[in-house]
Amino acid sequence: MMWCICGLQPTSRVTNAHSAEVNACAFSVLSPRVIATGGSDHEIKLWDIRKLVQPFHVLKGHTNHVFALNWMPFATSGSGSGSGSGGGSSTAAAAANALRNAAITNGGHILASAGNDRRVIIWDLSRIGMVRTHHIACFA
């Protein structure tokens, strides 16, 4: 549900956005028309607020409730030395490097999610529509 703070009335509403409780919601820092929601159904859904009938994309990777979402607004100049294409990383330093490179080369289309499965997943949303996985790193 989105609220207009002027009159404290809902401006938009989605019923049954998830098949279980909605635990998190975050507006994109790159597009004011895009929001991400995370739910107890283990999914993250991306919505265009102009068309709230159904999400335009669903991210799957958590095995338990998603309870936090955060967009990463990178505005870094320069170019990265890699594409951050690794699925998971064995060390925190390698994962941080992959995240930094992806944020630089992909214009900041990065979303982080945290779940009750004890995972933090870093998603590269510039890869939506590709066959490969969307996540850059998974910390468990």
C-alpha atoms as a PDB file:
ATOM      1  CA  MET A   1       0.000   0.000   0.000  1.00  0.00           C
ATOM      2  CA  MET A   2       1.351   3.469  -0.852  1.00  0.00           C
ATOM      3  CA  TRP A   3       0.261   6.488   1.124  1.00  0.00           C
ATOM      4  CA  CYS A   4       0.032  10.173   0.280  1.00  0.00           C
ATOM      5  CA  ILE A   5       1.416  11.911   3.357  1.00  0.00           C
ATOM      6  CA  CYS A   6      -0.636  15.027   2.614  1.00  0.00           C
ATOM      7  CA  GLY A   7      -4.005  13.494   3.475  1.00  0.00           C
ATOM      8  CA  LEU A   8      -2.798  10.173   4.914  1.00  0.00           C
ATOM      9  CA  GLN A   9      -4.903   8.230   2.457  1.00  0.00           C
ATOM     10  CA  PRO A  10      -3.635   5.265   0.422  1.00  0.00           C
ATOM     11  CA  THR A  11      -2.923   6.207  -3.197  1.00  0.00           C
ATOM     12  CA  SER A  12      -2.354   2.657  -4.473  1.00  0.00           C
ATOM     13  CA  ARG A  13      -2.965  -0.802  -3.119  1.00  0.00           C
ATOM     14  CA  VAL A  14      -1.986  -4.325  -4.145  1.00  0.00           C
ATOM     15  CA  THR A  15      -3.942  -7.174  -2.645  1.00  0.00           C
ATOM     16  CA  ASN A  16      -2.214 -10.546  -2.484  1.00  0.00           C
ATOM     17  CA  ALA A  17       1.145  -9.104  -3.540  1.00  0.00           C
ATOM     18  CA  HIS A  18       2.777 -12.218  -2.091  1.00  0.00           C
ATOM     19  CA  SER A  19       1.376 -15.622  -1.146  1.00  0.00           C
ATOM     20  CA  ALA A  20       2.380 -14.922   2.475  1.00  0.00           C
ATOM     21  CA  GLU A  21       3.176 -11.846   4.592  1.00  0.00           C
ATOM     22  CA  VAL A  22       4.971  -8.888   2.998  1.00  0.00           C
ATOM     23  CA  ASN A  23       7.939  -8.080   5.243  1.00  0.00           C
ATOM     24  CA  ALA A  24       9.915  -5.461   3.314  1.00  0.00           C
ATOM     25  CA  CYS A  25       9.410  -2.754   0.723  1.00  0.00           C
ATOM     26  CA  ALA A  26      11.952  -0.410  -0.871  1.00  0.00           C
ATOM     27  CA  PHE A  27      11.793   2.208  -3.613  1.00  0.00           C
ATOM     28  CA  SER A  28      14.481   2.056  -6.289  1.00  0.00           C
ATOM     29  CA  VAL A  29      17.075   4.805  -6.086  1.00  0.00           C
ATOM     30  CA  LEU A  30      17.365   4.838  -9.893  1.00  0.00           C
ATOM     31  CA  SER A  31      13.700   4.895 -10.828  1.00  0.00           C
ATOM     32  CA  PRO A  32      10.978   6.400  -8.633  1.00  0.00           C
ATOM     33  CA  ARG A  33       8.479   4.116 -10.404  1.00  0.00           C
ATOM     34  CA  VAL A  34      10.028   0.840  -9.244  1.00  0.00           C
ATOM     35  CA  ILE A  35       9.610  -0.804  -5.843  1.00  0.00           C
ATOM     36  CA  ALA A  36      10.830  -4.129  -4.523  1.00  0.00           C
ATOM     37  CA  THR A  37       8.874  -6.181  -2.007  1.00  0.00           C
ATOM     38  CA  GLY A  38      10.080  -9.155   0.009  1.00  0.00           C
ATOM     39  CA  GLY A  39       7.842 -11.699   1.633  1.00  0.00           C
ATOM     40  CA  SER A  40       7.464 -14.772   3.776  1.00  0.00           C
ATOM     41  CA  ASP A  41       6.966 -16.701   0.516  1.00  0.00           C
ATOM     42  CA  HIS A  42      10.784 -16.458   0.044  1.00  0.00           C
ATOM     43  CA  GLU A  43      10.409 -14.196  -3.013  1.00  0.00           C
ATOM     44  CA  ILE A  44      11.383 -10.664  -3.971  1.00  0.00           C
ATOM     45  CA  LYS A  45       9.040  -9.011  -6.425  1.00  0.00           C
ATOM     46  CA  LEU A  46       9.766  -5.957  -8.560  1.00  0.00           C
ATOM     47  CA  TRP A  47       6.823  -3.685  -9.315  1.00  0.00           C
ATOM     48  CA  ASP A  48       6.152  -0.721 -11.598  1.00  0.00           C
ATOM     49  CA  ILE A  49       3.910   1.538  -9.493  1.00  0.00           C
ATOM     50  CA  ARG A  50       2.021   2.586 -12.624  1.00  0.00           C
ATOM     51  CA  LYS A  51       0.904  -1.053 -13.171  1.00  0.00           C
ATOM     52  CA  LEU A  52       0.392  -2.739  -9.829  1.00  0.00           C
ATOM     53  CA  VAL A  53      -1.630  -5.632 -11.266  1.00  0.00           C
ATOM     54  CA  GLN A  54       1.357  -7.995 -11.254  1.00  0.00           C
ATOM     55  CA  PRO A  55       5.122  -7.723 -10.676  1.00  0.00           C
ATOM     56  CA  PHE A  56       7.319  -7.307 -13.725  1.00  0.00           C
ATOM     57  CA  HIS A  57       9.940  -9.650 -12.259  1.00  0.00           C
ATOM     58  CA  VAL A  58      10.342 -12.151  -9.400  1.00  0.00           C
ATOM     59  CA  LEU A  59      13.712 -12.917  -7.802  1.00  0.00           C
ATOM     60  CA  LYS A  60      14.126 -16.345  -6.207  1.00  0.00           C
ATOM     61  CA  GLY A  61      17.095 -17.415  -4.127  1.00  0.00           C
ATOM     62  CA  HIS A  62      16.081 -17.308  -0.478  1.00  0.00           C
ATOM     63  CA  THR A  63      14.941 -20.468   1.265  1.00  0.00           C
ATOM     64  CA  ASN A  64      13.072 -18.683   4.069  1.00  0.00           C
ATOM     65  CA  HIS A  65      11.323 -15.360   4.767  1.00  0.00           C
ATOM     66  CA  VAL A  66      12.786 -12.239   3.117  1.00  0.00           C
ATOM     67  CA  PHE A  67      12.774  -9.524   5.767  1.00  0.00           C
ATOM     68  CA  ALA A  68      15.007  -6.698   4.472  1.00  0.00           C
ATOM     69  CA  LEU A  69      15.720  -4.997   1.144  1.00  0.00           C
ATOM     70  CA  ASN A  70      18.098  -2.174   0.304  1.00  0.00           C
ATOM     71  CA  TRP A  71      19.007  -0.542  -3.007  1.00  0.00           C
ATOM     72  CA  MET A  72      22.647   0.445  -3.386  1.00  0.00           C
ATOM     73  CA  PRO A  73      22.983   3.876  -5.002  1.00  0.00           C
ATOM     74  CA  PHE A  74      26.482   3.777  -6.444  1.00  0.00           C
ATOM     75  CA  ALA A  75      27.521   6.862  -8.374  1.00  0.00           C
ATOM     76  CA  THR A  76      31.153   5.954  -8.905  1.00  0.00           C
ATOM     77  CA  SER A  77      33.173   7.201 -11.836  1.00  0.00           C
ATOM     78  CA  GLY A  78      35.721   5.056 -13.560  1.00  0.00           C
ATOM     79  CA  SER A  79      35.581   1.499 -14.774  1.00  0.00           C
ATOM     80  CA  GLY A  80      35.759  -1.776 -12.951  1.00  0.00           C
ATOM     81  CA  SER A  81      38.279  -4.466 -13.667  1.00  0.00           C
ATOM     82  CA  GLY A  82      35.678  -7.208 -13.845  1.00  0.00           C
ATOM     83  CA  SER A  83      32.028  -7.859 -14.411  1.00  0.00           C
ATOM     84  CA  GLY A  84      31.210  -9.465 -11.091  1.00  0.00           C
ATOM     85  CA  SER A  85      29.805 -12.506 -12.845  1.00  0.00           C
ATOM     86  CA  GLY A  86      30.606 -15.027 -10.115  1.00  0.00           C
ATOM     87  CA  GLY A  87      27.563 -16.722  -8.553  1.00  0.00           C
ATOM     88  CA  GLY A  88      28.861 -17.140  -5.010  1.00  0.00           C
ATOM     89  CA  SER A  89      32.108 -16.235  -3.348  1.00  0.00           C
ATOM     90  CA  SER A  90      34.225 -18.171  -0.882  1.00  0.00           C
ATOM     91  CA  THR A  91      35.707 -15.082   0.777  1.00  0.00           C
ATOM     92  CA  ALA A  92      34.226 -11.791   1.883  1.00  0.00           C
ATOM     93  CA  ALA A  93      36.993  -9.864   0.087  1.00  0.00           C
ATOM     94  CA  ALA A  94      36.257 -11.527  -3.256  1.00  0.00           C
ATOM     95  CA  ALA A  95      32.517 -10.938  -2.804  1.00  0.00           C
ATOM     96  CA  ALA A  96      33.070  -7.284  -1.922  1.00  0.00           C
ATOM     97  CA  ASN A  97      35.273  -6.887  -5.018  1.00  0.00           C
ATOM     98  CA  ALA A  98      32.619  -8.506  -7.229  1.00  0.00           C
ATOM     99  CA  LEU A  99      29.979  -6.206  -5.765  1.00  0.00           C
ATOM    100  CA  ARG A 100      32.120  -3.097  -6.279  1.00  0.00           C
ATOM    101  CA  ASN A 101      32.918  -4.036  -9.885  1.00  0.00           C
ATOM    102  CA  ALA A 102      29.282  -4.834 -10.690  1.00  0.00           C
ATOM    103  CA  ALA A 103      28.110  -1.583  -9.145  1.00  0.00           C
ATOM    104  CA  ILE A 104      30.562   0.408 -11.247  1.00  0.00           C
ATOM    105  CA  THR A 105      30.004  -1.423 -14.536  1.00  0.00           C
ATOM    106  CA  ASN A 106      26.234  -1.824 -14.224  1.00  0.00           C
ATOM    107  CA  GLY A 107      25.299   1.723 -13.261  1.00  0.00           C
ATOM    108  CA  GLY A 108      24.158   0.881  -9.749  1.00  0.00           C
ATOM    109  CA  HIS A 109      21.367  -1.610 -10.459  1.00  0.00           C
ATOM    110  CA  ILE A 110      22.187  -3.441  -7.241  1.00  0.00           C
ATOM    111  CA  LEU A 111      19.690  -4.704  -4.650  1.00  0.00           C
ATOM    112  CA  ALA A 112      20.597  -6.440  -1.383  1.00  0.00           C
ATOM    113  CA  SER A 113      18.181  -8.779   0.380  1.00  0.00           C
ATOM    114  CA  ALA A 114      18.338 -10.467   3.774  1.00  0.00           C
ATOM    115  CA  GLY A 115      16.297 -13.424   4.912  1.00  0.00           C
ATOM    116  CA  ASN A 116      15.567 -15.720   7.815  1.00  0.00           C
ATOM    117  CA  ASP A 117      17.612 -18.325   5.947  1.00  0.00           C
ATOM    118  CA  ARG A 118      20.668 -16.453   7.308  1.00  0.00           C
ATOM    119  CA  ARG A 119      21.586 -15.284   3.796  1.00  0.00           C
ATOM    120  CA  VAL A 120      22.320 -11.879   2.381  1.00  0.00           C
ATOM    121  CA  ILE A 121      22.052 -11.955  -1.409  1.00  0.00           C
ATOM    122  CA  ILE A 122      23.377  -9.195  -3.653  1.00  0.00           C
ATOM    123  CA  TRP A 123      21.330  -9.002  -6.863  1.00  0.00           C
ATOM    124  CA  ASP A 124      22.507  -7.439 -10.139  1.00  0.00           C
ATOM    125  CA  LEU A 125      19.236  -6.236 -11.671  1.00  0.00           C
ATOM    126  CA  SER A 126      20.920  -5.259 -14.929  1.00  0.00           C
ATOM    127  CA  ARG A 127      20.928  -9.027 -15.681  1.00  0.00           C
ATOM    128  CA  ILE A 128      17.133  -9.385 -15.681  1.00  0.00           C
ATOM    129  CA  GLY A 129      16.128 -11.322 -18.774  1.00  0.00           C
ATOM    130  CA  MET A 130      19.420 -13.215 -19.045  1.00  0.00           C
ATOM    131  CA  VAL A 131      19.591 -16.971 -18.613  1.00  0.00           C
ATOM    132  CA  ARG A 132      22.303 -16.750 -15.942  1.00  0.00           C
ATOM    133  CA  THR A 133      21.627 -16.082 -12.300  1.00  0.00           C
ATOM    134  CA  HIS A 134      20.910 -12.551 -11.135  1.00  0.00           C
ATOM    135  CA  HIS A 135      22.886 -12.679  -7.931  1.00  0.00           C
ATOM    136  CA  ILE A 136      26.476 -11.559  -7.627  1.00  0.00           C
ATOM    137  CA  ALA A 137      27.232 -12.885  -4.168  1.00  0.00           C
ATOM    138  CA  CYS A 138      25.516 -14.814  -1.414  1.00  0.00           C
ATOM    139  CA  PHE A 139      26.707 -14.607   2.173  1.00  0.00           C
ATOM    140  CA  ALA A 140      25.396 -17.447   4.327  1.00  0.00           C
END
